[in-house]
Amino acid sequence: MLSGRYVVEALLGEGAIGRVYRAKHALIGRDFAVKVMFGDVAANETTRQRFLREAEAASRLDHENVVKLVDFGTTKAGLMYIVMDLVEGRTLEAIVEEEGRLPSARVERYAVHLLRALGHAHGEGVIHRDLKPENIVVEQHGDRDLARILDFGVAYVLDPGTEERERLTRTGHLVGTPLFMAPEQAFGREVAATADLYSLGLILYYLVAGTTPHDARAMTMAQLLMKERVPPLSEKVPDVEVGERLDALITALTAFEPSARPASAAAALELLTGTETPPQTEDLPPSAEAASSEPVPRTWPLVAGAIAFLVAGAILLWATWS
């Protein structure tokens, strides 16, 4: 029994900092997913703060396309835990591995779900920073499927009231997964909502093509992070038919310069559907968008770049597999 309320029933999975269990609430009988941090990992203050950051970020969000946090605490033994909705479904990564390329109409449906989720998160001052297929799960509700975002462990949180950015990692430190990372994030710069939109563009590309734009096996880490051009879908998979609006959306989202992308999730959704999004999908306050207005440098000083990648290599490899 966890904290006198949750009866742990089964192990669902294990990550870099803890395990996720299926647990039943002792009073209401409802099943939840409980993420419990490893005891030895909890001794590391940075990791504890990352865990707390996930709880803080997720607690701000209440949207059907975001996995909801319902409780958070620490046991008498000092184990930190997060209680979330139990999601019965498959990740986008698993879906593509099992089914291959997805039809354009289905990808458009998921794009709408995820843009609405990002609009809500950005409106609450939360930038995910690690969007990737394995962090998005699709649930089946009768004949309706629902894409939902999870894992806000490296989220960037802005408090709209004070207009101060709270971040677990300092500017210049890299977090996220290189294959789905925005260029400005790869350069270790501050990121805005447009970084999440770039990652979403790469995810949509992956769903349509069945592969990522860049082949990680054929690229060094430096080449992967400094990628600039995302090849058009018509060039990568010429035999696949892609809806005109979806193709245009993916192209816009994956623009190298943040200023060339849609300014918000609402703008991106309008590009796809031709309709405006609900009020809750408004983007970050103007002060938070300022970080994306500066052009991303297209060249990297050779000496500084070499040092940066050597130092960041271990961090990036961990982040890629966590």
C-alpha atoms as a PDB file:
ATOM      1  CA  MET A   1       0.000   0.000   0.000  1.00  0.00           C
ATOM      2  CA  LEU A   2       1.442   3.348  -1.084  1.00  0.00           C
ATOM      3  CA  SER A   3       0.777   6.231   1.327  1.00  0.00           C
ATOM      4  CA  GLY A   4      -2.211   4.371   2.698  1.00  0.00           C
ATOM      5  CA  ARG A   5      -4.236   5.031  -0.463  1.00  0.00           C
ATOM      6  CA  TYR A   6      -2.866   3.118  -3.457  1.00  0.00           C
ATOM      7  CA  VAL A   7      -2.670  -0.658  -3.703  1.00  0.00           C
ATOM      8  CA  VAL A   8       0.139  -1.506  -6.111  1.00  0.00           C
ATOM      9  CA  GLU A   9      -0.942  -4.328  -8.422  1.00  0.00           C
ATOM     10  CA  ALA A  10       1.534  -4.648 -11.305  1.00  0.00           C
ATOM     11  CA  LEU A  11       4.687  -3.221 -12.818  1.00  0.00           C
ATOM     12  CA  LEU A  12       3.952  -1.419 -16.085  1.00  0.00           C
ATOM     13  CA  GLY A  13       7.398  -0.187 -17.029  1.00  0.00           C
ATOM     14  CA  GLU A  14      10.753   1.113 -15.902  1.00  0.00           C
ATOM     15  CA  GLY A  15      12.759   4.187 -16.894  1.00  0.00           C
ATOM     16  CA  ALA A  16      15.985   5.925 -15.972  1.00  0.00           C
ATOM     17  CA  ILE A  17      14.765   7.346 -12.674  1.00  0.00           C
ATOM     18  CA  GLY A  18      11.955   5.084 -11.544  1.00  0.00           C
ATOM     19  CA  ARG A  19       9.251   2.525 -12.187  1.00  0.00           C
ATOM     20  CA  VAL A  20       5.618   2.897 -13.234  1.00  0.00           C
ATOM     21  CA  TYR A  21       3.018   0.684 -11.588  1.00  0.00           C
ATOM     22  CA  ARG A  22      -0.651  -0.016 -12.013  1.00  0.00           C
ATOM     23  CA  ALA A  23      -2.300   0.783  -8.683  1.00  0.00           C
ATOM     24  CA  LYS A  24      -5.860   0.821  -7.382  1.00  0.00           C
ATOM     25  CA  HIS A  25      -7.131   3.539  -5.079  1.00  0.00           C
ATOM     26  CA  ALA A  26      -8.114   1.804  -1.855  1.00  0.00           C
ATOM     27  CA  LEU A  27     -11.275   3.879  -1.321  1.00  0.00           C
ATOM     28  CA  ILE A  28     -12.729   4.573  -4.757  1.00  0.00           C
ATOM     29  CA  GLY A  29     -11.489   1.400  -6.487  1.00  0.00           C
ATOM     30  CA  ARG A  30     -10.195   3.247  -9.557  1.00  0.00           C
ATOM     31  CA  ASP A  31      -6.998   2.213 -11.337  1.00  0.00           C
ATOM     32  CA  PHE A  32      -4.163   4.705 -11.792  1.00  0.00           C
ATOM     33  CA  ALA A  33      -0.595   4.742 -13.057  1.00  0.00           C
ATOM     34  CA  VAL A  34       1.899   5.518 -10.293  1.00  0.00           C
ATOM     35  CA  LYS A  35       5.446   6.604 -11.107  1.00  0.00           C
ATOM     36  CA  VAL A  36       7.794   5.951  -8.165  1.00  0.00           C
ATOM     37  CA  MET A  37      11.343   7.272  -8.103  1.00  0.00           C
ATOM     38  CA  PHE A  38      14.145   4.857  -7.279  1.00  0.00           C
ATOM     39  CA  GLY A  39      15.413   5.376  -3.738  1.00  0.00           C
ATOM     40  CA  ASP A  40      19.067   5.718  -4.732  1.00  0.00           C
ATOM     41  CA  VAL A  41      18.197   8.103  -7.566  1.00  0.00           C
ATOM     42  CA  ALA A  42      16.220  10.298  -5.178  1.00  0.00           C
ATOM     43  CA  ALA A  43      19.458  11.061  -3.367  1.00  0.00           C
ATOM     44  CA  ASN A  44      20.532  13.143  -6.380  1.00  0.00           C
ATOM     45  CA  GLU A  45      19.143  16.664  -5.953  1.00  0.00           C
ATOM     46  CA  THR A  46      19.060  17.393  -9.694  1.00  0.00           C
ATOM     47  CA  THR A  47      17.032  14.269 -10.364  1.00  0.00           C
ATOM     48  CA  ARG A  48      14.681  15.078  -7.494  1.00  0.00           C
ATOM     49  CA  GLN A  49      14.126  18.516  -8.973  1.00  0.00           C
ATOM     50  CA  ARG A  50      13.422  16.994 -12.377  1.00  0.00           C
ATOM     51  CA  PHE A  51      10.809  14.741 -10.792  1.00  0.00           C
ATOM     52  CA  LEU A  52       9.262  17.714  -8.995  1.00  0.00           C
ATOM     53  CA  ARG A  53       9.314  19.676 -12.249  1.00  0.00           C
ATOM     54  CA  GLU A  54       7.288  16.976 -13.953  1.00  0.00           C
ATOM     55  CA  ALA A  55       4.736  17.095 -11.148  1.00  0.00           C
ATOM     56  CA  GLU A  56       4.559  20.887 -11.257  1.00  0.00           C
ATOM     57  CA  ALA A  57       4.219  21.041 -15.030  1.00  0.00           C
ATOM     58  CA  ALA A  58       1.625  18.269 -15.243  1.00  0.00           C
ATOM     59  CA  SER A  59      -0.413  19.712 -12.370  1.00  0.00           C
ATOM     60  CA  ARG A  60      -1.049  22.851 -14.416  1.00  0.00           C
ATOM     61  CA  LEU A  61      -2.662  20.928 -17.246  1.00  0.00           C
ATOM     62  CA  ASP A  62      -6.232  19.723 -17.609  1.00  0.00           C
ATOM     63  CA  HIS A  63      -6.981  18.701 -21.191  1.00  0.00           C
ATOM     64  CA  GLU A  64      -8.291  15.515 -22.763  1.00  0.00           C
ATOM     65  CA  ASN A  65      -5.176  15.236 -24.936  1.00  0.00           C
ATOM     66  CA  VAL A  66      -2.784  15.406 -21.972  1.00  0.00           C
ATOM     67  CA  VAL A  67      -2.375  12.565 -19.470  1.00  0.00           C
ATOM     68  CA  LYS A  68      -3.656  14.092 -16.245  1.00  0.00           C
ATOM     69  CA  LEU A  69      -1.785  14.167 -12.936  1.00  0.00           C
ATOM     70  CA  VAL A  70      -4.091  13.434 -10.012  1.00  0.00           C
ATOM     71  CA  ASP A  71      -1.774  13.180  -6.988  1.00  0.00           C
ATOM     72  CA  PHE A  72       1.807  13.637  -5.867  1.00  0.00           C
ATOM     73  CA  GLY A  73       3.648  12.936  -2.644  1.00  0.00           C
ATOM     74  CA  THR A  74       6.417  11.319  -0.670  1.00  0.00           C
ATOM     75  CA  THR A  75       6.086   8.104   1.323  1.00  0.00           C
ATOM     76  CA  LYS A  76       7.277   7.701   4.913  1.00  0.00           C
ATOM     77  CA  ALA A  77      10.283   5.886   3.490  1.00  0.00           C
ATOM     78  CA  GLY A  78      11.142   8.955   1.412  1.00  0.00           C
ATOM     79  CA  LEU A  79      10.024   7.603  -1.970  1.00  0.00           C
ATOM     80  CA  MET A  80       8.661  10.319  -4.258  1.00  0.00           C
ATOM     81  CA  TYR A  81       5.724   9.388  -6.466  1.00  0.00           C
ATOM     82  CA  ILE A  82       3.368  10.840  -9.074  1.00  0.00           C
ATOM     83  CA  VAL A  83      -0.131   9.459  -9.667  1.00  0.00           C
ATOM     84  CA  MET A  84      -1.564   9.841 -13.177  1.00  0.00           C
ATOM     85  CA  ASP A  85      -4.518   8.669 -15.212  1.00  0.00           C
ATOM     86  CA  LEU A  86      -3.972   5.095 -16.326  1.00  0.00           C
ATOM     87  CA  VAL A  87      -3.747   5.159 -20.102  1.00  0.00           C
ATOM     88  CA  GLU A  88      -4.654   1.951 -21.903  1.00  0.00           C
ATOM     89  CA  GLY A  89      -3.167   2.299 -25.358  1.00  0.00           C
ATOM     90  CA  ARG A  90      -0.110   2.212 -27.591  1.00  0.00           C
ATOM     91  CA  THR A  91       2.544   4.833 -28.116  1.00  0.00           C
ATOM     92  CA  LEU A  92       2.988   6.334 -31.580  1.00  0.00           C
ATOM     93  CA  GLU A  93       6.359   4.608 -31.691  1.00  0.00           C
ATOM     94  CA  ALA A  94       4.734   1.213 -31.106  1.00  0.00           C
ATOM     95  CA  ILE A  95       2.008   1.935 -33.656  1.00  0.00           C
ATOM     96  CA  VAL A  96       4.510   2.744 -36.422  1.00  0.00           C
ATOM     97  CA  GLU A  97       6.662  -0.263 -35.518  1.00  0.00           C
ATOM     98  CA  GLU A  98       3.612  -2.525 -35.789  1.00  0.00           C
ATOM     99  CA  GLU A  99       1.718  -0.908 -38.678  1.00  0.00           C
ATOM    100  CA  GLY A 100       4.311   1.067 -40.639  1.00  0.00           C
ATOM    101  CA  ARG A 101       3.282   4.279 -42.396  1.00  0.00           C
ATOM    102  CA  LEU A 102      -0.041   5.720 -41.313  1.00  0.00           C
ATOM    103  CA  PRO A 103      -2.722   7.079 -43.676  1.00  0.00           C
ATOM    104  CA  SER A 104      -2.726  10.833 -44.130  1.00  0.00           C
ATOM    105  CA  ALA A 105      -6.233  11.243 -42.681  1.00  0.00           C
ATOM    106  CA  ARG A 106      -5.247   9.433 -39.497  1.00  0.00           C
ATOM    107  CA  VAL A 107      -2.114  11.547 -39.098  1.00  0.00           C
ATOM    108  CA  GLU A 108      -4.185  14.705 -39.570  1.00  0.00           C
ATOM    109  CA  ARG A 109      -6.494  13.539 -36.782  1.00  0.00           C
ATOM    110  CA  TYR A 110      -3.582  13.008 -34.416  1.00  0.00           C
ATOM    111  CA  ALA A 111      -2.141  16.379 -35.452  1.00  0.00           C
ATOM    112  CA  VAL A 112      -5.339  18.112 -34.369  1.00  0.00           C
ATOM    113  CA  HIS A 113      -5.272  16.321 -31.000  1.00  0.00           C
ATOM    114  CA  LEU A 114      -1.632  17.178 -30.365  1.00  0.00           C
ATOM    115  CA  LEU A 115      -1.872  20.798 -31.468  1.00  0.00           C
ATOM    116  CA  ARG A 116      -4.795  21.289 -29.105  1.00  0.00           C
ATOM    117  CA  ALA A 117      -2.785  19.703 -26.302  1.00  0.00           C
ATOM    118  CA  LEU A 118       0.238  21.888 -27.012  1.00  0.00           C
ATOM    119  CA  GLY A 119      -1.921  24.979 -27.248  1.00  0.00           C
ATOM    120  CA  HIS A 120      -3.280  24.242 -23.794  1.00  0.00           C
ATOM    121  CA  ALA A 121       0.154  23.487 -22.323  1.00  0.00           C
ATOM    122  CA  HIS A 122       1.738  26.603 -23.821  1.00  0.00           C
ATOM    123  CA  GLY A 123      -1.152  28.691 -22.593  1.00  0.00           C
ATOM    124  CA  GLU A 124      -0.431  27.422 -19.085  1.00  0.00           C
ATOM    125  CA  GLY A 125       3.239  28.323 -19.425  1.00  0.00           C
ATOM    126  CA  VAL A 126       4.574  24.811 -20.053  1.00  0.00           C
ATOM    127  CA  ILE A 127       6.923  23.885 -22.907  1.00  0.00           C
ATOM    128  CA  HIS A 128       7.403  20.128 -23.152  1.00  0.00           C
ATOM    129  CA  ARG A 129      10.925  20.082 -24.727  1.00  0.00           C
ATOM    130  CA  ASP A 130      11.007  16.320 -25.276  1.00  0.00           C
ATOM    131  CA  LEU A 131       8.153  15.487 -27.625  1.00  0.00           C
ATOM    132  CA  LYS A 132       8.758  12.192 -29.400  1.00  0.00           C
ATOM    133  CA  PRO A 133       6.642   9.243 -30.565  1.00  0.00           C
ATOM    134  CA  GLU A 134       7.227   7.276 -27.356  1.00  0.00           C
ATOM    135  CA  ASN A 135       5.865  10.187 -25.272  1.00  0.00           C
ATOM    136  CA  ILE A 136       2.521  10.169 -27.077  1.00  0.00           C
ATOM    137  CA  VAL A 137      -0.010   7.433 -26.428  1.00  0.00           C
ATOM    138  CA  VAL A 138      -3.182   6.673 -28.381  1.00  0.00           C
ATOM    139  CA  GLU A 139      -6.212   5.428 -26.469  1.00  0.00           C
ATOM    140  CA  GLN A 140      -9.241   3.785 -28.032  1.00  0.00           C
ATOM    141  CA  HIS A 141     -12.646   5.053 -26.878  1.00  0.00           C
ATOM    142  CA  GLY A 142     -15.173   2.966 -28.762  1.00  0.00           C
ATOM    143  CA  ASP A 143     -14.769   3.918 -32.428  1.00  0.00           C
ATOM    144  CA  ARG A 144     -12.799   7.047 -31.489  1.00  0.00           C
ATOM    145  CA  ASP A 145      -9.064   7.146 -30.882  1.00  0.00           C
ATOM    146  CA  LEU A 146      -7.441   9.848 -28.806  1.00  0.00           C
ATOM    147  CA  ALA A 147      -3.791  10.932 -28.880  1.00  0.00           C
ATOM    148  CA  ARG A 148      -2.462  12.130 -25.514  1.00  0.00           C
ATOM    149  CA  ILE A 149       0.869  13.631 -24.458  1.00  0.00           C
ATOM    150  CA  LEU A 150       2.713  12.368 -21.382  1.00  0.00           C
ATOM    151  CA  ASP A 151       6.080  12.732 -19.596  1.00  0.00           C
ATOM    152  CA  PHE A 152       6.811  16.353 -18.704  1.00  0.00           C
ATOM    153  CA  GLY A 153      10.042  15.437 -16.926  1.00  0.00           C
ATOM    154  CA  VAL A 154      12.190  18.033 -18.734  1.00  0.00           C
ATOM    155  CA  ALA A 155       9.476  20.636 -19.260  1.00  0.00           C
ATOM    156  CA  TYR A 156      10.245  24.349 -19.282  1.00  0.00           C
ATOM    157  CA  VAL A 157       7.883  26.188 -16.949  1.00  0.00           C
ATOM    158  CA  LEU A 158       6.996  29.845 -17.212  1.00  0.00           C
ATOM    159  CA  ASP A 159       5.032  31.577 -14.474  1.00  0.00           C
ATOM    160  CA  PRO A 160       2.860  34.087 -16.375  1.00  0.00           C
ATOM    161  CA  GLY A 161       2.366  36.075 -13.158  1.00  0.00           C
ATOM    162  CA  THR A 162       6.036  36.880 -12.639  1.00  0.00           C
ATOM    163  CA  GLU A 163       7.224  36.440 -16.223  1.00  0.00           C
ATOM    164  CA  GLU A 164      10.237  34.546 -14.889  1.00  0.00           C
ATOM    165  CA  ARG A 165      11.424  31.315 -16.421  1.00  0.00           C
ATOM    166  CA  GLU A 166      12.105  28.483 -14.047  1.00  0.00           C
ATOM    167  CA  ARG A 167      14.265  25.831 -15.581  1.00  0.00           C
ATOM    168  CA  LEU A 168      15.935  22.703 -14.402  1.00  0.00           C
ATOM    169  CA  THR A 169      18.740  23.026 -16.919  1.00  0.00           C
ATOM    170  CA  ARG A 170      20.645  26.211 -17.649  1.00  0.00           C
ATOM    171  CA  THR A 171      21.013  27.762 -21.102  1.00  0.00           C
ATOM    172  CA  GLY A 172      23.758  25.868 -22.909  1.00  0.00           C
ATOM    173  CA  HIS A 173      22.839  22.512 -21.351  1.00  0.00           C
ATOM    174  CA  LEU A 174      21.074  20.150 -23.709  1.00  0.00           C
ATOM    175  CA  VAL A 175      17.961  18.176 -22.884  1.00  0.00           C
ATOM    176  CA  GLY A 176      15.637  16.238 -25.132  1.00  0.00           C
ATOM    177  CA  THR A 177      16.000  13.596 -27.827  1.00  0.00           C
ATOM    178  CA  PRO A 178      18.244  14.598 -30.770  1.00  0.00           C
ATOM    179  CA  LEU A 179      16.179  12.933 -33.504  1.00  0.00           C
ATOM    180  CA  PHE A 180      13.146  15.065 -32.591  1.00  0.00           C
ATOM    181  CA  MET A 181      14.894  18.167 -31.267  1.00  0.00           C
ATOM    182  CA  ALA A 182      14.542  21.682 -32.677  1.00  0.00           C
ATOM    183  CA  PRO A 183      17.779  23.258 -33.999  1.00  0.00           C
ATOM    184  CA  GLU A 184      17.782  26.059 -31.412  1.00  0.00           C
ATOM    185  CA  GLN A 185      17.389  23.474 -28.665  1.00  0.00           C
ATOM    186  CA  ALA A 186      20.302  21.501 -30.108  1.00  0.00           C
ATOM    187  CA  PHE A 187      22.404  24.663 -29.923  1.00  0.00           C
ATOM    188  CA  GLY A 188      21.601  24.868 -26.205  1.00  0.00           C
ATOM    189  CA  ARG A 189      19.661  28.113 -26.484  1.00  0.00           C
ATOM    190  CA  GLU A 190      16.487  29.108 -24.672  1.00  0.00           C
ATOM    191  CA  VAL A 191      13.437  27.631 -26.330  1.00  0.00           C
ATOM    192  CA  ALA A 192       9.901  28.856 -26.847  1.00  0.00           C
ATOM    193  CA  ALA A 193       6.677  27.196 -27.953  1.00  0.00           C
ATOM    194  CA  THR A 194       7.997  26.959 -31.509  1.00  0.00           C
ATOM    195  CA  ALA A 195      10.533  24.325 -30.372  1.00  0.00           C
ATOM    196  CA  ASP A 196       7.670  21.998 -29.412  1.00  0.00           C
ATOM    197  CA  LEU A 197       6.023  22.733 -32.760  1.00  0.00           C
ATOM    198  CA  TYR A 198       9.205  21.745 -34.601  1.00  0.00           C
ATOM    199  CA  SER A 199       9.311  18.448 -32.677  1.00  0.00           C
ATOM    200  CA  LEU A 200       5.668  17.831 -33.535  1.00  0.00           C
ATOM    201  CA  GLY A 201       6.451  18.442 -37.208  1.00  0.00           C
ATOM    202  CA  LEU A 202       9.124  15.739 -37.089  1.00  0.00           C
ATOM    203  CA  ILE A 203       6.694  13.371 -35.345  1.00  0.00           C
ATOM    204  CA  LEU A 204       4.042  13.910 -38.038  1.00  0.00           C
ATOM    205  CA  TYR A 205       6.719  13.350 -40.674  1.00  0.00           C
ATOM    206  CA  TYR A 206       7.659  10.080 -38.956  1.00  0.00           C
ATOM    207  CA  LEU A 207       4.023   8.919 -38.933  1.00  0.00           C
ATOM    208  CA  VAL A 208       3.573   9.623 -42.636  1.00  0.00           C
ATOM    209  CA  ALA A 209       6.953   8.329 -43.834  1.00  0.00           C
ATOM    210  CA  GLY A 210       7.433   5.502 -41.337  1.00  0.00           C
ATOM    211  CA  THR A 211      10.912   6.875 -40.693  1.00  0.00           C
ATOM    212  CA  THR A 212      12.571  10.055 -39.471  1.00  0.00           C
ATOM    213  CA  PRO A 213      13.858  12.698 -41.919  1.00  0.00           C
ATOM    214  CA  HIS A 214      17.441  12.003 -40.854  1.00  0.00           C
ATOM    215  CA  ASP A 215      19.022   8.580 -40.507  1.00  0.00           C
ATOM    216  CA  ALA A 216      20.682   8.560 -37.090  1.00  0.00           C
ATOM    217  CA  ARG A 217      22.751   5.499 -38.008  1.00  0.00           C
ATOM    218  CA  ALA A 218      24.441   7.369 -40.856  1.00  0.00           C
ATOM    219  CA  MET A 219      25.142  10.567 -38.937  1.00  0.00           C
ATOM    220  CA  THR A 220      27.479  11.569 -36.162  1.00  0.00           C
ATOM    221  CA  MET A 221      25.949  13.170 -33.080  1.00  0.00           C
ATOM    222  CA  ALA A 222      27.237  16.570 -34.194  1.00  0.00           C
ATOM    223  CA  GLN A 223      25.711  16.190 -37.669  1.00  0.00           C
ATOM    224  CA  LEU A 224      22.445  15.030 -36.170  1.00  0.00           C
ATOM    225  CA  LEU A 225      22.141  18.022 -33.854  1.00  0.00           C
ATOM    226  CA  MET A 226      23.228  20.558 -36.468  1.00  0.00           C
ATOM    227  CA  LYS A 227      20.783  19.270 -39.090  1.00  0.00           C
ATOM    228  CA  GLU A 228      19.270  22.073 -41.094  1.00  0.00           C
ATOM    229  CA  ARG A 229      17.244  20.839 -44.026  1.00  0.00           C
ATOM    230  CA  VAL A 230      14.319  18.486 -43.552  1.00  0.00           C
ATOM    231  CA  PRO A 231      13.841  16.750 -46.922  1.00  0.00           C
ATOM    232  CA  PRO A 232      10.312  17.085 -48.353  1.00  0.00           C
ATOM    233  CA  LEU A 233       8.099  14.047 -47.910  1.00  0.00           C
ATOM    234  CA  SER A 234       7.813  13.839 -51.696  1.00  0.00           C
ATOM    235  CA  GLU A 235      11.578  13.324 -51.791  1.00  0.00           C
ATOM    236  CA  LYS A 236      11.828  10.956 -48.819  1.00  0.00           C
ATOM    237  CA  VAL A 237       8.816   8.773 -49.672  1.00  0.00           C
ATOM    238  CA  PRO A 238       7.727   9.630 -53.253  1.00  0.00           C
ATOM    239  CA  ASP A 239       5.276   6.730 -53.325  1.00  0.00           C
ATOM    240  CA  VAL A 240       3.201   8.041 -50.385  1.00  0.00           C
ATOM    241  CA  GLU A 241       0.192  10.276 -50.954  1.00  0.00           C
ATOM    242  CA  VAL A 242       0.061  13.108 -48.417  1.00  0.00           C
ATOM    243  CA  GLY A 243      -2.811  15.527 -47.983  1.00  0.00           C
ATOM    244  CA  GLU A 244      -1.936  18.988 -49.252  1.00  0.00           C
ATOM    245  CA  ARG A 245      -2.680  20.728 -45.951  1.00  0.00           C
ATOM    246  CA  LEU A 246      -0.837  18.136 -43.886  1.00  0.00           C
ATOM    247  CA  ASP A 247       2.190  18.403 -46.171  1.00  0.00           C
ATOM    248  CA  ALA A 248       2.126  22.203 -45.859  1.00  0.00           C
ATOM    249  CA  LEU A 249       1.807  21.959 -42.074  1.00  0.00           C
ATOM    250  CA  ILE A 250       4.793  19.612 -41.727  1.00  0.00           C
ATOM    251  CA  THR A 251       6.884  21.875 -43.961  1.00  0.00           C
ATOM    252  CA  ALA A 252       5.945  24.948 -41.915  1.00  0.00           C
ATOM    253  CA  LEU A 253       6.545  23.291 -38.539  1.00  0.00           C
ATOM    254  CA  THR A 254       9.989  22.006 -39.524  1.00  0.00           C
ATOM    255  CA  ALA A 255      11.357  25.330 -40.764  1.00  0.00           C
ATOM    256  CA  PHE A 256      14.922  25.789 -39.487  1.00  0.00           C
ATOM    257  CA  GLU A 257      14.351  29.305 -38.120  1.00  0.00           C
ATOM    258  CA  PRO A 258      11.819  29.540 -35.259  1.00  0.00           C
ATOM    259  CA  SER A 259      10.475  32.777 -36.736  1.00  0.00           C
ATOM    260  CA  ALA A 260       9.577  30.936 -39.965  1.00  0.00           C
ATOM    261  CA  ARG A 261       7.320  28.445 -38.164  1.00  0.00           C
ATOM    262  CA  PRO A 262       3.709  29.066 -37.114  1.00  0.00           C
ATOM    263  CA  ALA A 263       3.860  31.398 -34.103  1.00  0.00           C
ATOM    264  CA  SER A 264       1.588  29.214 -31.983  1.00  0.00           C
ATOM    265  CA  ALA A 265      -0.251  25.913 -31.851  1.00  0.00           C
ATOM    266  CA  ALA A 266      -3.433  27.823 -32.698  1.00  0.00           C
ATOM    267  CA  ALA A 267      -1.848  29.214 -35.857  1.00  0.00           C
ATOM    268  CA  ALA A 268      -0.621  25.743 -36.828  1.00  0.00           C
ATOM    269  CA  LEU A 269      -4.052  24.238 -36.285  1.00  0.00           C
ATOM    270  CA  GLU A 270      -5.620  26.922 -38.444  1.00  0.00           C
ATOM    271  CA  LEU A 271      -3.087  26.103 -41.153  1.00  0.00           C
ATOM    272  CA  LEU A 272      -4.232  22.467 -41.049  1.00  0.00           C
ATOM    273  CA  THR A 273      -7.993  22.874 -40.611  1.00  0.00           C
ATOM    274  CA  GLY A 274      -8.714  26.424 -41.713  1.00  0.00           C
ATOM    275  CA  THR A 275     -10.473  27.090 -38.413  1.00  0.00           C
ATOM    276  CA  GLU A 276      -9.388  28.828 -35.243  1.00  0.00           C
ATOM    277  CA  THR A 277      -8.787  26.912 -32.032  1.00  0.00           C
ATOM    278  CA  PRO A 278     -10.660  27.329 -28.738  1.00  0.00           C
ATOM    279  CA  PRO A 279      -9.499  30.067 -26.312  1.00  0.00           C
ATOM    280  CA  GLN A 280      -7.605  27.625 -24.075  1.00  0.00           C
ATOM    281  CA  THR A 281      -5.093  26.965 -26.855  1.00  0.00           C
ATOM    282  CA  GLU A 282      -3.620  30.444 -26.807  1.00  0.00           C
ATOM    283  CA  ASP A 283       0.153  30.539 -26.936  1.00  0.00           C
ATOM    284  CA  LEU A 284       2.624  31.706 -24.318  1.00  0.00           C
ATOM    285  CA  PRO A 285       2.626  35.358 -23.204  1.00  0.00           C
ATOM    286  CA  PRO A 286       4.674  37.724 -25.429  1.00  0.00           C
ATOM    287  CA  SER A 287       7.566  37.689 -22.970  1.00  0.00           C
ATOM    288  CA  ALA A 288       7.990  33.964 -23.470  1.00  0.00           C
ATOM    289  CA  GLU A 289       7.865  34.159 -27.255  1.00  0.00           C
ATOM    290  CA  ALA A 290      10.760  36.586 -27.360  1.00  0.00           C
ATOM    291  CA  ALA A 291      13.259  33.746 -27.043  1.00  0.00           C
ATOM    292  CA  SER A 292      12.288  32.457 -30.477  1.00  0.00           C
ATOM    293  CA  SER A 293      12.659  35.785 -32.287  1.00  0.00           C
ATOM    294  CA  GLU A 294      16.444  35.660 -32.614  1.00  0.00           C
ATOM    295  CA  PRO A 295      17.770  33.787 -35.665  1.00  0.00           C
ATOM    296  CA  VAL A 296      19.433  30.464 -34.963  1.00  0.00           C
ATOM    297  CA  PRO A 297      23.132  30.553 -35.885  1.00  0.00           C
ATOM    298  CA  ARG A 298      23.804  28.463 -38.980  1.00  0.00           C
ATOM    299  CA  THR A 299      27.494  28.025 -38.213  1.00  0.00           C
ATOM    300  CA  TRP A 300      29.137  26.681 -35.098  1.00  0.00           C
ATOM    301  CA  PRO A 301      32.654  27.806 -34.084  1.00  0.00           C
ATOM    302  CA  LEU A 302      34.779  24.717 -34.603  1.00  0.00           C
ATOM    303  CA  VAL A 303      36.690  24.724 -31.331  1.00  0.00           C
ATOM    304  CA  ALA A 304      33.740  25.652 -29.130  1.00  0.00           C
ATOM    305  CA  GLY A 305      31.528  23.226 -31.025  1.00  0.00           C
ATOM    306  CA  ALA A 306      33.914  20.337 -30.544  1.00  0.00           C
ATOM    307  CA  ILE A 307      34.205  20.996 -26.820  1.00  0.00           C
ATOM    308  CA  ALA A 308      30.443  21.394 -26.408  1.00  0.00           C
ATOM    309  CA  PHE A 309      29.639  18.127 -28.112  1.00  0.00           C
ATOM    310  CA  LEU A 310      32.252  16.205 -26.175  1.00  0.00           C
ATOM    311  CA  VAL A 311      30.875  17.516 -22.890  1.00  0.00           C
ATOM    312  CA  ALA A 312      27.236  17.024 -23.895  1.00  0.00           C
ATOM    313  CA  GLY A 313      27.661  13.582 -25.442  1.00  0.00           C
ATOM    314  CA  ALA A 314      26.999  11.565 -22.305  1.00  0.00           C
ATOM    315  CA  ILE A 315      24.007  13.727 -21.397  1.00  0.00           C
ATOM    316  CA  LEU A 316      22.491  13.382 -24.847  1.00  0.00           C
ATOM    317  CA  LEU A 317      22.941   9.644 -25.016  1.00  0.00           C
ATOM    318  CA  TRP A 318      21.234   9.278 -21.645  1.00  0.00           C
ATOM    319  CA  ALA A 319      18.391  11.528 -22.709  1.00  0.00           C
ATOM    320  CA  THR A 320      17.928   9.614 -25.951  1.00  0.00           C
ATOM    321  CA  TRP A 321      17.386   6.290 -24.186  1.00  0.00           C
ATOM    322  CA  SER A 322      15.611   7.531 -21.034  1.00  0.00           C
END
